[in-house]
Amino acid sequence: MAGLFAGTPLERPVTCERCGLPYGRCTCPRGSDGKILLPQDQKVRVQRESRRGKTVTVVTGLDPKASDPGAILKQLRTALGAGGTVDGGTIEVQGDHREKVLDHLRSLGYRPKASGG
């Protein structure tokens, strides 16, 4: 991304509005559109689904670019002792762990809501 007055002696790098660092060194979570997307700004839903007679806990609403669903799934699998997968931006955990998943997401700074049955 070109800075202000690019190519002149007055050139300044474009900086992040949140942390003040140049975009190359900024680590603020950004959504797909490039805007800052904090965990508390995402509409995360946690629900139970029954698939082939087994219960699965599904987490939807996570932005795959701003939050790392793979890392969140790894933390959940370790904490719950259950398997799971990431399908797009959706996290699926084997078993009925809705309340524990809600608590874990709250500890990460998200504002999840329980949905479905």
PDB file of N, CA and C in Angstrom:
ATOM      1  N   MET A   1       0.853  -1.163   0.000  1.00  0.00           N
ATOM      2  CA  MET A   1       0.000   0.000   0.000  1.00  0.00           C
ATOM      3  C   MET A   1       0.897   1.222   0.000  1.00  0.00           C
ATOM      4  N   ALA A   2       0.617   2.168  -0.882  1.00  0.00           N
ATOM      5  CA  ALA A   2       1.421   3.378  -0.989  1.00  0.00           C
ATOM      6  C   ALA A   2       1.106   4.314   0.170  1.00  0.00           C
ATOM      7  N   GLY A   3       2.132   4.987   0.643  1.00  0.00           N
ATOM      8  CA  GLY A   3       1.958   5.907   1.750  1.00  0.00           C
ATOM      9  C   GLY A   3       1.537   7.279   1.274  1.00  0.00           C
ATOM     10  N   LEU A   4       1.321   8.169   2.223  1.00  0.00           N
ATOM     11  CA  LEU A   4       0.961   9.537   1.925  1.00  0.00           C
ATOM     12  C   LEU A   4       2.157  10.238   1.297  1.00  0.00           C
ATOM     13  N   PHE A   5       1.969  10.941   0.212  1.00  0.00           N
ATOM     14  CA  PHE A   5       3.033  11.620  -0.522  1.00  0.00           C
ATOM     15  C   PHE A   5       4.107  10.637  -0.985  1.00  0.00           C
ATOM     16  N   ALA A   6       3.694   9.485  -1.525  1.00  0.00           N
ATOM     17  CA  ALA A   6       4.623   8.437  -1.939  1.00  0.00           C
ATOM     18  C   ALA A   6       5.604   8.971  -2.979  1.00  0.00           C
ATOM     19  N   GLY A   7       6.869   8.690  -2.756  1.00  0.00           N
ATOM     20  CA  GLY A   7       7.929   9.081  -3.684  1.00  0.00           C
ATOM     21  C   GLY A   7       8.449  10.482  -3.479  1.00  0.00           C
ATOM     22  N   THR A   8       8.006  11.184  -2.455  1.00  0.00           N
ATOM     23  CA  THR A   8       8.487  12.537  -2.184  1.00  0.00           C
ATOM     24  C   THR A   8       9.221  12.544  -0.855  1.00  0.00           C
ATOM     25  N   PRO A   9       9.956  13.611  -0.561  1.00  0.00           N
ATOM     26  CA  PRO A   9      10.639  13.683   0.742  1.00  0.00           C
ATOM     27  C   PRO A   9       9.666  13.733   1.925  1.00  0.00           C
ATOM     28  N   LEU A  10       8.399  14.027   1.680  1.00  0.00           N
ATOM     29  CA  LEU A  10       7.409  14.099   2.755  1.00  0.00           C
ATOM     30  C   LEU A  10       6.681  12.777   2.970  1.00  0.00           C
ATOM     31  N   GLU A  11       7.170  11.716   2.346  1.00  0.00           N
ATOM     32  CA  GLU A  11       6.479  10.427   2.422  1.00  0.00           C
ATOM     33  C   GLU A  11       6.403   9.906   3.854  1.00  0.00           C
ATOM     34  N   ARG A  12       5.207   9.482   4.244  1.00  0.00           N
ATOM     35  CA  ARG A  12       4.997   8.857   5.539  1.00  0.00           C
ATOM     36  C   ARG A  12       4.277   7.547   5.313  1.00  0.00           C
ATOM     37  N   PRO A  13       4.606   6.502   6.078  1.00  0.00           N
ATOM     38  CA  PRO A  13       3.895   5.236   5.889  1.00  0.00           C
ATOM     39  C   PRO A  13       2.465   5.332   6.426  1.00  0.00           C
ATOM     40  N   VAL A  14       1.584   4.559   5.824  1.00  0.00           N
ATOM     41  CA  VAL A  14       0.206   4.489   6.300  1.00  0.00           C
ATOM     42  C   VAL A  14       0.214   3.669   7.582  1.00  0.00           C
ATOM     43  N   THR A  15      -0.406   4.209   8.631  1.00  0.00           N
ATOM     44  CA  THR A  15      -0.381   3.542   9.933  1.00  0.00           C
ATOM     45  C   THR A  15      -1.776   3.072  10.332  1.00  0.00           C
ATOM     46  N   CYS A  16      -1.776   2.135  11.249  1.00  0.00           N
ATOM     47  CA  CYS A  16      -3.017   1.594  11.790  1.00  0.00           C
ATOM     48  C   CYS A  16      -3.656   2.625  12.718  1.00  0.00           C
ATOM     49  N   GLU A  17      -4.982   2.765  12.608  1.00  0.00           N
ATOM     50  CA  GLU A  17      -5.679   3.736  13.450  1.00  0.00           C
ATOM     51  C   GLU A  17      -5.797   3.281  14.891  1.00  0.00           C
ATOM     52  N   ARG A  18      -5.589   1.992  15.159  1.00  0.00           N
ATOM     53  CA  ARG A  18      -5.723   1.472  16.523  1.00  0.00           C
ATOM     54  C   ARG A  18      -4.396   1.469  17.266  1.00  0.00           C
ATOM     55  N   CYS A  19      -3.347   0.888  16.643  1.00  0.00           N
ATOM     56  CA  CYS A  19      -2.073   0.746  17.356  1.00  0.00           C
ATOM     57  C   CYS A  19      -1.024   1.765  16.927  1.00  0.00           C
ATOM     58  N   GLY A  20      -1.200   2.436  15.793  1.00  0.00           N
ATOM     59  CA  GLY A  20      -0.263   3.447  15.340  1.00  0.00           C
ATOM     60  C   GLY A  20       0.955   2.911  14.608  1.00  0.00           C
ATOM     61  N   LEU A  21       1.064   1.605  14.439  1.00  0.00           N
ATOM     62  CA  LEU A  21       2.187   1.013  13.723  1.00  0.00           C
ATOM     63  C   LEU A  21       1.909   1.006  12.223  1.00  0.00           C
ATOM     64  N   PRO A  22       2.973   0.999  11.394  1.00  0.00           N
ATOM     65  CA  PRO A  22       2.743   0.857   9.949  1.00  0.00           C
ATOM     66  C   PRO A  22       2.032  -0.459   9.658  1.00  0.00           C
ATOM     67  N   TYR A  23       1.251  -0.497   8.565  1.00  0.00           N
ATOM     68  CA  TYR A  23       0.455  -1.678   8.252  1.00  0.00           C
ATOM     69  C   TYR A  23       1.290  -2.943   8.129  1.00  0.00           C
ATOM     70  N   GLY A  24       2.520  -2.838   7.716  1.00  0.00           N
ATOM     71  CA  GLY A  24       3.377  -4.017   7.589  1.00  0.00           C
ATOM     72  C   GLY A  24       3.684  -4.673   8.926  1.00  0.00           C
ATOM     73  N   ARG A  25       3.710  -3.899  10.012  1.00  0.00           N
ATOM     74  CA  ARG A  25       4.044  -4.442  11.334  1.00  0.00           C
ATOM     75  C   ARG A  25       2.837  -4.536  12.261  1.00  0.00           C
ATOM     76  N   CYS A  26       1.681  -4.080  11.807  1.00  0.00           N
ATOM     77  CA  CYS A  26       0.467  -4.102  12.623  1.00  0.00           C
ATOM     78  C   CYS A  26      -0.034  -5.538  12.769  1.00  0.00           C
ATOM     79  N   THR A  27      -0.438  -5.900  13.990  1.00  0.00           N
ATOM     80  CA  THR A  27      -0.982  -7.235  14.244  1.00  0.00           C
ATOM     81  C   THR A  27      -2.436  -7.179  14.714  1.00  0.00           C
ATOM     82  N   CYS A  28      -3.106  -6.048  14.496  1.00  0.00           N
ATOM     83  CA  CYS A  28      -4.507  -5.919  14.883  1.00  0.00           C
ATOM     84  C   CYS A  28      -5.356  -6.851  14.021  1.00  0.00           C
ATOM     85  N   PRO A  29      -6.376  -7.494  14.609  1.00  0.00           N
ATOM     86  CA  PRO A  29      -7.219  -8.406  13.824  1.00  0.00           C
ATOM     87  C   PRO A  29      -8.060  -7.634  12.822  1.00  0.00           C
ATOM     88  N   ARG A  30      -7.977  -8.045  11.578  1.00  0.00           N
ATOM     89  CA  ARG A  30      -8.724  -7.380  10.513  1.00  0.00           C
ATOM     90  C   ARG A  30      -9.628  -8.377   9.811  1.00  0.00           C
ATOM     91  N   GLY A  31     -10.792  -7.920   9.418  1.00  0.00           N
ATOM     92  CA  GLY A  31     -11.747  -8.760   8.717  1.00  0.00           C
ATOM     93  C   GLY A  31     -11.407  -8.875   7.243  1.00  0.00           C
ATOM     94  N   SER A  32     -12.272  -9.490   6.498  1.00  0.00           N
ATOM     95  CA  SER A  32     -12.062  -9.698   5.074  1.00  0.00           C
ATOM     96  C   SER A  32     -12.028  -8.390   4.296  1.00  0.00           C
ATOM     97  N   ASP A  33     -12.683  -7.363   4.812  1.00  0.00           N
ATOM     98  CA  ASP A  33     -12.710  -6.077   4.126  1.00  0.00           C
ATOM     99  C   ASP A  33     -11.529  -5.182   4.492  1.00  0.00           C
ATOM    100  N   GLY A  34     -10.659  -5.616   5.395  1.00  0.00           N
ATOM    101  CA  GLY A  34      -9.480  -4.852   5.781  1.00  0.00           C
ATOM    102  C   GLY A  34      -9.684  -3.958   6.986  1.00  0.00           C
ATOM    103  N   LYS A  35     -10.911  -3.839   7.470  1.00  0.00           N
ATOM    104  CA  LYS A  35     -11.170  -3.019   8.652  1.00  0.00           C
ATOM    105  C   LYS A  35     -10.894  -3.831   9.913  1.00  0.00           C
ATOM    106  N   ILE A  36     -10.589  -3.118  10.996  1.00  0.00           N
ATOM    107  CA  ILE A  36     -10.315  -3.784  12.265  1.00  0.00           C
ATOM    108  C   ILE A  36     -11.598  -4.451  12.760  1.00  0.00           C
ATOM    109  N   LEU A  37     -11.477  -5.721  13.123  1.00  0.00           N
ATOM    110  CA  LEU A  37     -12.619  -6.503  13.603  1.00  0.00           C
ATOM    111  C   LEU A  37     -12.200  -7.203  14.888  1.00  0.00           C
ATOM    112  N   LEU A  38     -12.602  -6.626  16.012  1.00  0.00           N
ATOM    113  CA  LEU A  38     -12.243  -7.174  17.316  1.00  0.00           C
ATOM    114  C   LEU A  38     -13.153  -8.342  17.667  1.00  0.00           C
ATOM    115  N   PRO A  39     -12.721  -9.217  18.579  1.00  0.00           N
ATOM    116  CA  PRO A  39     -13.558 -10.363  18.952  1.00  0.00           C
ATOM    117  C   PRO A  39     -14.946  -9.969  19.446  1.00  0.00           C
ATOM    118  N   GLN A  40     -15.050  -8.902  20.234  1.00  0.00           N
ATOM    119  CA  GLN A  40     -16.361  -8.538  20.775  1.00  0.00           C
ATOM    120  C   GLN A  40     -17.291  -7.962  19.705  1.00  0.00           C
ATOM    121  N   ASP A  41     -16.778  -7.641  18.523  1.00  0.00           N
ATOM    122  CA  ASP A  41     -17.606  -7.115  17.446  1.00  0.00           C
ATOM    123  C   ASP A  41     -18.174  -8.204  16.537  1.00  0.00           C
ATOM    124  N   GLN A  42     -17.754  -9.442  16.711  1.00  0.00           N
ATOM    125  CA  GLN A  42     -18.220 -10.536  15.866  1.00  0.00           C
ATOM    126  C   GLN A  42     -19.468 -11.168  16.475  1.00  0.00           C
ATOM    127  N   LYS A  43     -20.408 -11.534  15.616  1.00  0.00           N
ATOM    128  CA  LYS A  43     -21.656 -12.153  16.076  1.00  0.00           C
ATOM    129  C   LYS A  43     -21.485 -13.667  16.052  1.00  0.00           C
ATOM    130  N   VAL A  44     -21.016 -14.216  17.157  1.00  0.00           N
ATOM    131  CA  VAL A  44     -20.715 -15.640  17.255  1.00  0.00           C
ATOM    132  C   VAL A  44     -21.921 -16.364  17.847  1.00  0.00           C
ATOM    133  N   ARG A  45     -22.303 -17.466  17.217  1.00  0.00           N
ATOM    134  CA  ARG A  45     -23.408 -18.301  17.683  1.00  0.00           C
ATOM    135  C   ARG A  45     -22.893 -19.714  17.941  1.00  0.00           C
ATOM    136  N   VAL A  46     -23.374 -20.321  19.021  1.00  0.00           N
ATOM    137  CA  VAL A  46     -23.002 -21.697  19.370  1.00  0.00           C
ATOM    138  C   VAL A  46     -24.296 -22.494  19.464  1.00  0.00           C
ATOM    139  N   GLN A  47     -24.359 -23.574  18.704  1.00  0.00           N
ATOM    140  CA  GLN A  47     -25.584 -24.383  18.701  1.00  0.00           C
ATOM    141  C   GLN A  47     -25.253 -25.864  18.675  1.00  0.00           C
ATOM    142  N   ARG A  48     -26.257 -26.651  19.036  1.00  0.00           N
ATOM    143  CA  ARG A  48     -26.144 -28.111  18.976  1.00  0.00           C
ATOM    144  C   ARG A  48     -26.865 -28.597  17.739  1.00  0.00           C
ATOM    145  N   GLU A  49     -26.259 -29.587  17.091  1.00  0.00           N
ATOM    146  CA  GLU A  49     -26.910 -30.233  15.954  1.00  0.00           C
ATOM    147  C   GLU A  49     -26.801 -31.728  16.134  1.00  0.00           C
ATOM    148  N   SER A  50     -27.778 -32.436  15.613  1.00  0.00           N
ATOM    149  CA  SER A  50     -27.756 -33.888  15.661  1.00  0.00           C
ATOM    150  C   SER A  50     -27.478 -34.401  14.255  1.00  0.00           C
ATOM    151  N   ARG A  51     -26.398 -35.141  14.125  1.00  0.00           N
ATOM    152  CA  ARG A  51     -25.999 -35.688  12.827  1.00  0.00           C
ATOM    153  C   ARG A  51     -25.815 -37.195  12.954  1.00  0.00           C
ATOM    154  N   ARG A  52     -26.598 -37.926  12.208  1.00  0.00           N
ATOM    155  CA  ARG A  52     -26.543 -39.389  12.219  1.00  0.00           C
ATOM    156  C   ARG A  52     -26.658 -39.939  13.639  1.00  0.00           C
ATOM    157  N   GLY A  53     -27.504 -39.317  14.444  1.00  0.00           N
ATOM    158  CA  GLY A  53     -27.736 -39.789  15.795  1.00  0.00           C
ATOM    159  C   GLY A  53     -26.718 -39.312  16.815  1.00  0.00           C
ATOM    160  N   LYS A  54     -25.748 -38.519  16.397  1.00  0.00           N
ATOM    161  CA  LYS A  54     -24.726 -38.020  17.328  1.00  0.00           C
ATOM    162  C   LYS A  54     -24.828 -36.501  17.423  1.00  0.00           C
ATOM    163  N   THR A  55     -24.491 -35.974  18.584  1.00  0.00           N
ATOM    164  CA  THR A  55     -24.581 -34.535  18.805  1.00  0.00           C
ATOM    165  C   THR A  55     -23.262 -33.865  18.459  1.00  0.00           C
ATOM    166  N   VAL A  56     -23.364 -32.731  17.785  1.00  0.00           N
ATOM    167  CA  VAL A  56     -22.202 -31.934  17.400  1.00  0.00           C
ATOM    168  C   VAL A  56     -22.445 -30.507  17.861  1.00  0.00           C
ATOM    169  N   THR A  57     -21.434 -29.866  18.439  1.00  0.00           N
ATOM    170  CA  THR A  57     -21.511 -28.465  18.831  1.00  0.00           C
ATOM    171  C   THR A  57     -20.907 -27.644  17.700  1.00  0.00           C
ATOM    172  N   VAL A  58     -21.672 -26.684  17.175  1.00  0.00           N
ATOM    173  CA  VAL A  58     -21.258 -25.910  16.011  1.00  0.00           C
ATOM    174  C   VAL A  58     -21.117 -24.441  16.402  1.00  0.00           C
ATOM    175  N   VAL A  59     -19.974 -23.849  16.048  1.00  0.00           N
ATOM    176  CA  VAL A  59     -19.708 -22.434  16.307  1.00  0.00           C
ATOM    177  C   VAL A  59     -19.697 -21.724  14.958  1.00  0.00           C
ATOM    178  N   THR A  60     -20.596 -20.749  14.781  1.00  0.00           N
ATOM    179  CA  THR A  60     -20.670 -19.987  13.536  1.00  0.00           C
ATOM    180  C   THR A  60     -20.497 -18.507  13.829  1.00  0.00           C
ATOM    181  N   GLY A  61     -20.221 -17.738  12.781  1.00  0.00           N
ATOM    182  CA  GLY A  61     -20.115 -16.289  12.923  1.00  0.00           C
ATOM    183  C   GLY A  61     -18.713 -15.778  13.129  1.00  0.00           C
ATOM    184  N   LEU A  62     -17.721 -16.639  13.159  1.00  0.00           N
ATOM    185  CA  LEU A  62     -16.333 -16.190  13.296  1.00  0.00           C
ATOM    186  C   LEU A  62     -15.809 -15.745  11.940  1.00  0.00           C
ATOM    187  N   ASP A  63     -15.154 -14.615  11.898  1.00  0.00           N
ATOM    188  CA  ASP A  63     -14.519 -14.175  10.664  1.00  0.00           C
ATOM    189  C   ASP A  63     -13.216 -14.954  10.516  1.00  0.00           C
ATOM    190  N   PRO A  64     -13.044 -15.723   9.434  1.00  0.00           N
ATOM    191  CA  PRO A  64     -11.866 -16.576   9.320  1.00  0.00           C
ATOM    192  C   PRO A  64     -10.562 -15.808   9.195  1.00  0.00           C
ATOM    193  N   LYS A  65     -10.624 -14.547   8.789  1.00  0.00           N
ATOM    194  CA  LYS A  65      -9.384 -13.778   8.651  1.00  0.00           C
ATOM    195  C   LYS A  65      -9.022 -13.041   9.946  1.00  0.00           C
ATOM    196  N   ALA A  66     -10.025 -12.494  10.633  1.00  0.00           N
ATOM    197  CA  ALA A  66      -9.771 -11.727  11.856  1.00  0.00           C
ATOM    198  C   ALA A  66      -9.485 -12.619  13.055  1.00  0.00           C
ATOM    199  N   SER A  67     -10.117 -13.786  13.111  1.00  0.00           N
ATOM    200  CA  SER A  67      -9.867 -14.721  14.201  1.00  0.00           C
ATOM    201  C   SER A  67      -9.377 -16.019  13.577  1.00  0.00           C
ATOM    202  N   ASP A  68      -8.539 -16.724  14.261  1.00  0.00           N
ATOM    203  CA  ASP A  68      -7.952 -17.950  13.727  1.00  0.00           C
ATOM    204  C   ASP A  68      -8.788 -19.139  14.191  1.00  0.00           C
ATOM    205  N   PRO A  69      -9.726 -19.624  13.368  1.00  0.00           N
ATOM    206  CA  PRO A  69     -10.574 -20.736  13.798  1.00  0.00           C
ATOM    207  C   PRO A  69      -9.787 -22.004  14.119  1.00  0.00           C
ATOM    208  N   GLY A  70      -8.684 -22.233  13.420  1.00  0.00           N
ATOM    209  CA  GLY A  70      -7.868 -23.417  13.689  1.00  0.00           C
ATOM    210  C   GLY A  70      -7.273 -23.397  15.083  1.00  0.00           C
ATOM    211  N   ALA A  71      -6.781 -22.238  15.500  1.00  0.00           N
ATOM    212  CA  ALA A  71      -6.204 -22.114  16.843  1.00  0.00           C
ATOM    213  C   ALA A  71      -7.281 -22.236  17.916  1.00  0.00           C
ATOM    214  N   ILE A  72      -8.450 -21.654  17.660  1.00  0.00           N
ATOM    215  CA  ILE A  72      -9.545 -21.756  18.627  1.00  0.00           C
ATOM    216  C   ILE A  72      -9.989 -23.201  18.751  1.00  0.00           C
ATOM    217  N   LEU A  73     -10.080 -23.915  17.627  1.00  0.00           N
ATOM    218  CA  LEU A  73     -10.461 -25.326  17.667  1.00  0.00           C
ATOM    219  C   LEU A  73      -9.446 -26.148  18.445  1.00  0.00           C
ATOM    220  N   LYS A  74      -8.181 -25.864  18.262  1.00  0.00           N
ATOM    221  CA  LYS A  74      -7.143 -26.606  18.982  1.00  0.00           C
ATOM    222  C   LYS A  74      -7.292 -26.407  20.492  1.00  0.00           C
ATOM    223  N   GLN A  75      -7.565 -25.173  20.910  1.00  0.00           N
ATOM    224  CA  GLN A  75      -7.778 -24.901  22.332  1.00  0.00           C
ATOM    225  C   GLN A  75      -9.004 -25.636  22.846  1.00  0.00           C
ATOM    226  N   LEU A  76     -10.077 -25.635  22.052  1.00  0.00           N
ATOM    227  CA  LEU A  76     -11.304 -26.314  22.470  1.00  0.00           C
ATOM    228  C   LEU A  76     -11.101 -27.818  22.568  1.00  0.00           C
ATOM    229  N   ARG A  77     -10.421 -28.411  21.595  1.00  0.00           N
ATOM    230  CA  ARG A  77     -10.193 -29.856  21.625  1.00  0.00           C
ATOM    231  C   ARG A  77      -9.368 -30.243  22.840  1.00  0.00           C
ATOM    232  N   THR A  78      -8.376 -29.432  23.186  1.00  0.00           N
ATOM    233  CA  THR A  78      -7.548 -29.715  24.357  1.00  0.00           C
ATOM    234  C   THR A  78      -8.365 -29.573  25.646  1.00  0.00           C
ATOM    235  N   ALA A  79      -9.152 -28.520  25.734  1.00  0.00           N
ATOM    236  CA  ALA A  79      -9.921 -28.267  26.956  1.00  0.00           C
ATOM    237  C   ALA A  79     -11.049 -29.282  27.149  1.00  0.00           C
ATOM    238  N   LEU A  80     -11.662 -29.723  26.041  1.00  0.00           N
ATOM    239  CA  LEU A  80     -12.824 -30.591  26.140  1.00  0.00           C
ATOM    240  C   LEU A  80     -12.494 -32.074  25.997  1.00  0.00           C
ATOM    241  N   GLY A  81     -11.331 -32.374  25.475  1.00  0.00           N
ATOM    242  CA  GLY A  81     -10.987 -33.776  25.235  1.00  0.00           C
ATOM    243  C   GLY A  81     -11.856 -34.398  24.162  1.00  0.00           C
ATOM    244  N   ALA A  82     -12.178 -33.618  23.149  1.00  0.00           N
ATOM    245  CA  ALA A  82     -13.050 -34.083  22.078  1.00  0.00           C
ATOM    246  C   ALA A  82     -12.427 -33.751  20.733  1.00  0.00           C
ATOM    247  N   GLY A  83     -12.881 -34.433  19.709  1.00  0.00           N
ATOM    248  CA  GLY A  83     -12.414 -34.159  18.359  1.00  0.00           C
ATOM    249  C   GLY A  83     -13.208 -33.029  17.745  1.00  0.00           C
ATOM    250  N   GLY A  84     -12.755 -32.587  16.594  1.00  0.00           N
ATOM    251  CA  GLY A  84     -13.477 -31.528  15.910  1.00  0.00           C
ATOM    252  C   GLY A  84     -12.799 -31.164  14.612  1.00  0.00           C
ATOM    253  N   THR A  85     -13.426 -30.245  13.877  1.00  0.00           N
ATOM    254  CA  THR A  85     -12.889 -29.800  12.599  1.00  0.00           C
ATOM    255  C   THR A  85     -13.315 -28.372  12.332  1.00  0.00           C
ATOM    256  N   VAL A  86     -12.615 -27.753  11.377  1.00  0.00           N
ATOM    257  CA  VAL A  86     -12.975 -26.424  10.894  1.00  0.00           C
ATOM    258  C   VAL A  86     -13.457 -26.593   9.463  1.00  0.00           C
ATOM    259  N   ASP A  87     -14.662 -26.127   9.190  1.00  0.00           N
ATOM    260  CA  ASP A  87     -15.226 -26.214   7.852  1.00  0.00           C
ATOM    261  C   ASP A  87     -15.551 -24.797   7.403  1.00  0.00           C
ATOM    262  N   GLY A  88     -14.661 -24.190   6.623  1.00  0.00           N
ATOM    263  CA  GLY A  88     -14.829 -22.782   6.255  1.00  0.00           C
ATOM    264  C   GLY A  88     -14.552 -21.929   7.480  1.00  0.00           C
ATOM    265  N   GLY A  89     -15.513 -21.114   7.899  1.00  0.00           N
ATOM    266  CA  GLY A  89     -15.380 -20.332   9.122  1.00  0.00           C
ATOM    267  C   GLY A  89     -16.145 -20.947  10.274  1.00  0.00           C
ATOM    268  N   THR A  90     -16.622 -22.184  10.091  1.00  0.00           N
ATOM    269  CA  THR A  90     -17.437 -22.868  11.098  1.00  0.00           C
ATOM    270  C   THR A  90     -16.592 -23.880  11.854  1.00  0.00           C
ATOM    271  N   ILE A  91     -16.701 -23.874  13.167  1.00  0.00           N
ATOM    272  CA  ILE A  91     -16.004 -24.844  14.011  1.00  0.00           C
ATOM    273  C   ILE A  91     -17.017 -25.892  14.449  1.00  0.00           C
ATOM    274  N   GLU A  92     -16.650 -27.148  14.296  1.00  0.00           N
ATOM    275  CA  GLU A  92     -17.511 -28.253  14.721  1.00  0.00           C
ATOM    276  C   GLU A  92     -16.758 -29.088  15.738  1.00  0.00           C
ATOM    277  N   VAL A  93     -17.361 -29.284  16.911  1.00  0.00           N
ATOM    278  CA  VAL A  93     -16.759 -30.069  17.987  1.00  0.00           C
ATOM    279  C   VAL A  93     -17.668 -31.255  18.256  1.00  0.00           C
ATOM    280  N   GLN A  94     -17.088 -32.424  18.355  1.00  0.00           N
ATOM    281  CA  GLN A  94     -17.871 -33.631  18.601  1.00  0.00           C
ATOM    282  C   GLN A  94     -18.417 -33.628  20.022  1.00  0.00           C
ATOM    283  N   GLY A  95     -19.711 -33.909  20.155  1.00  0.00           N
ATOM    284  CA  GLY A  95     -20.342 -33.998  21.467  1.00  0.00           C
ATOM    285  C   GLY A  95     -21.115 -32.747  21.825  1.00  0.00           C
ATOM    286  N   ASP A  96     -21.834 -32.839  22.924  1.00  0.00           N
ATOM    287  CA  ASP A  96     -22.645 -31.733  23.425  1.00  0.00           C
ATOM    288  C   ASP A  96     -21.817 -30.944  24.439  1.00  0.00           C
ATOM    289  N   HIS A  97     -21.150 -29.894  23.983  1.00  0.00           N
ATOM    290  CA  HIS A  97     -20.284 -29.084  24.834  1.00  0.00           C
ATOM    291  C   HIS A  97     -20.644 -27.605  24.737  1.00  0.00           C
ATOM    292  N   ARG A  98     -21.904 -27.295  24.485  1.00  0.00           N
ATOM    293  CA  ARG A  98     -22.292 -25.923  24.213  1.00  0.00           C
ATOM    294  C   ARG A  98     -21.924 -24.963  25.342  1.00  0.00           C
ATOM    295  N   GLU A  99     -22.226 -25.303  26.577  1.00  0.00           N
ATOM    296  CA  GLU A  99     -21.950 -24.386  27.698  1.00  0.00           C
ATOM    297  C   GLU A  99     -20.447 -24.174  27.893  1.00  0.00           C
ATOM    298  N   LYS A 100     -19.670 -25.226  27.764  1.00  0.00           N
ATOM    299  CA  LYS A 100     -18.220 -25.106  27.928  1.00  0.00           C
ATOM    300  C   LYS A 100     -17.609 -24.292  26.800  1.00  0.00           C
ATOM    301  N   VAL A 101     -18.126 -24.473  25.584  1.00  0.00           N
ATOM    302  CA  VAL A 101     -17.637 -23.692  24.440  1.00  0.00           C
ATOM    303  C   VAL A 101     -17.988 -22.220  24.631  1.00  0.00           C
ATOM    304  N   LEU A 102     -19.195 -21.935  25.100  1.00  0.00           N
ATOM    305  CA  LEU A 102     -19.591 -20.555  25.377  1.00  0.00           C
ATOM    306  C   LEU A 102     -18.652 -19.916  26.400  1.00  0.00           C
ATOM    307  N   ASP A 103     -18.349 -20.621  27.476  1.00  0.00           N
ATOM    308  CA  ASP A 103     -17.448 -20.098  28.509  1.00  0.00           C
ATOM    309  C   ASP A 103     -16.056 -19.842  27.952  1.00  0.00           C
ATOM    310  N   HIS A 104     -15.557 -20.767  27.131  1.00  0.00           N
ATOM    311  CA  HIS A 104     -14.212 -20.613  26.572  1.00  0.00           C
ATOM    312  C   HIS A 104     -14.148 -19.417  25.619  1.00  0.00           C
ATOM    313  N   LEU A 105     -15.175 -19.245  24.789  1.00  0.00           N
ATOM    314  CA  LEU A 105     -15.188 -18.108  23.872  1.00  0.00           C
ATOM    315  C   LEU A 105     -15.292 -16.786  24.619  1.00  0.00           C
ATOM    316  N   ARG A 106     -16.045 -16.776  25.724  1.00  0.00           N
ATOM    317  CA  ARG A 106     -16.117 -15.557  26.549  1.00  0.00           C
ATOM    318  C   ARG A 106     -14.753 -15.221  27.136  1.00  0.00           C
ATOM    319  N   SER A 107     -13.988 -16.243  27.527  1.00  0.00           N
ATOM    320  CA  SER A 107     -12.655 -15.990  28.085  1.00  0.00           C
ATOM    321  C   SER A 107     -11.692 -15.443  27.030  1.00  0.00           C
ATOM    322  N   LEU A 108     -11.981 -15.684  25.739  1.00  0.00           N
ATOM    323  CA  LEU A 108     -11.143 -15.163  24.655  1.00  0.00           C
ATOM    324  C   LEU A 108     -11.567 -13.760  24.223  1.00  0.00           C
ATOM    325  N   GLY A 109     -12.652 -13.238  24.785  1.00  0.00           N
ATOM    326  CA  GLY A 109     -13.079 -11.890  24.470  1.00  0.00           C
ATOM    327  C   GLY A 109     -14.257 -11.807  23.521  1.00  0.00           C
ATOM    328  N   TYR A 110     -14.786 -12.919  23.081  1.00  0.00           N
ATOM    329  CA  TYR A 110     -15.956 -12.927  22.207  1.00  0.00           C
ATOM    330  C   TYR A 110     -17.214 -12.770  23.046  1.00  0.00           C
ATOM    331  N   ARG A 111     -18.309 -12.422  22.383  1.00  0.00           N
ATOM    332  CA  ARG A 111     -19.626 -12.351  23.033  1.00  0.00           C
ATOM    333  C   ARG A 111     -20.542 -13.365  22.363  1.00  0.00           C
ATOM    334  N   PRO A 112     -20.351 -14.644  22.644  1.00  0.00           N
ATOM    335  CA  PRO A 112     -21.162 -15.659  21.943  1.00  0.00           C
ATOM    336  C   PRO A 112     -22.558 -15.751  22.524  1.00  0.00           C
ATOM    337  N   LYS A 113     -23.470 -16.214  21.686  1.00  0.00           N
ATOM    338  CA  LYS A 113     -24.842 -16.454  22.123  1.00  0.00           C
ATOM    339  C   LYS A 113     -25.200 -17.899  21.776  1.00  0.00           C
ATOM    340  N   ALA A 114     -25.953 -18.525  22.667  1.00  0.00           N
ATOM    341  CA  ALA A 114     -26.442 -19.864  22.409  1.00  0.00           C
ATOM    342  C   ALA A 114     -27.640 -19.757  21.480  1.00  0.00           C
ATOM    343  N   SER A 115     -27.662 -20.601  20.465  1.00  0.00           N
ATOM    344  CA  SER A 115     -28.796 -20.584  19.542  1.00  0.00           C
ATOM    345  C   SER A 115     -29.248 -22.012  19.292  1.00  0.00           C
ATOM    346  N   GLY A 116     -30.431 -22.148  18.760  1.00  0.00           N
ATOM    347  CA  GLY A 116     -30.964 -23.477  18.490  1.00  0.00           C
ATOM    348  C   GLY A 116     -31.438 -24.156  19.766  1.00  0.00           C
ATOM    349  N   GLY A 117     -31.573 -25.478  19.687  1.00  0.00           N
ATOM    350  CA  GLY A 117     -32.117 -26.224  20.820  1.00  0.00           C
ATOM    351  C   GLY A 117     -31.131 -26.721  21.802  1.00  0.00           C
TER     352      GLY A 117
END
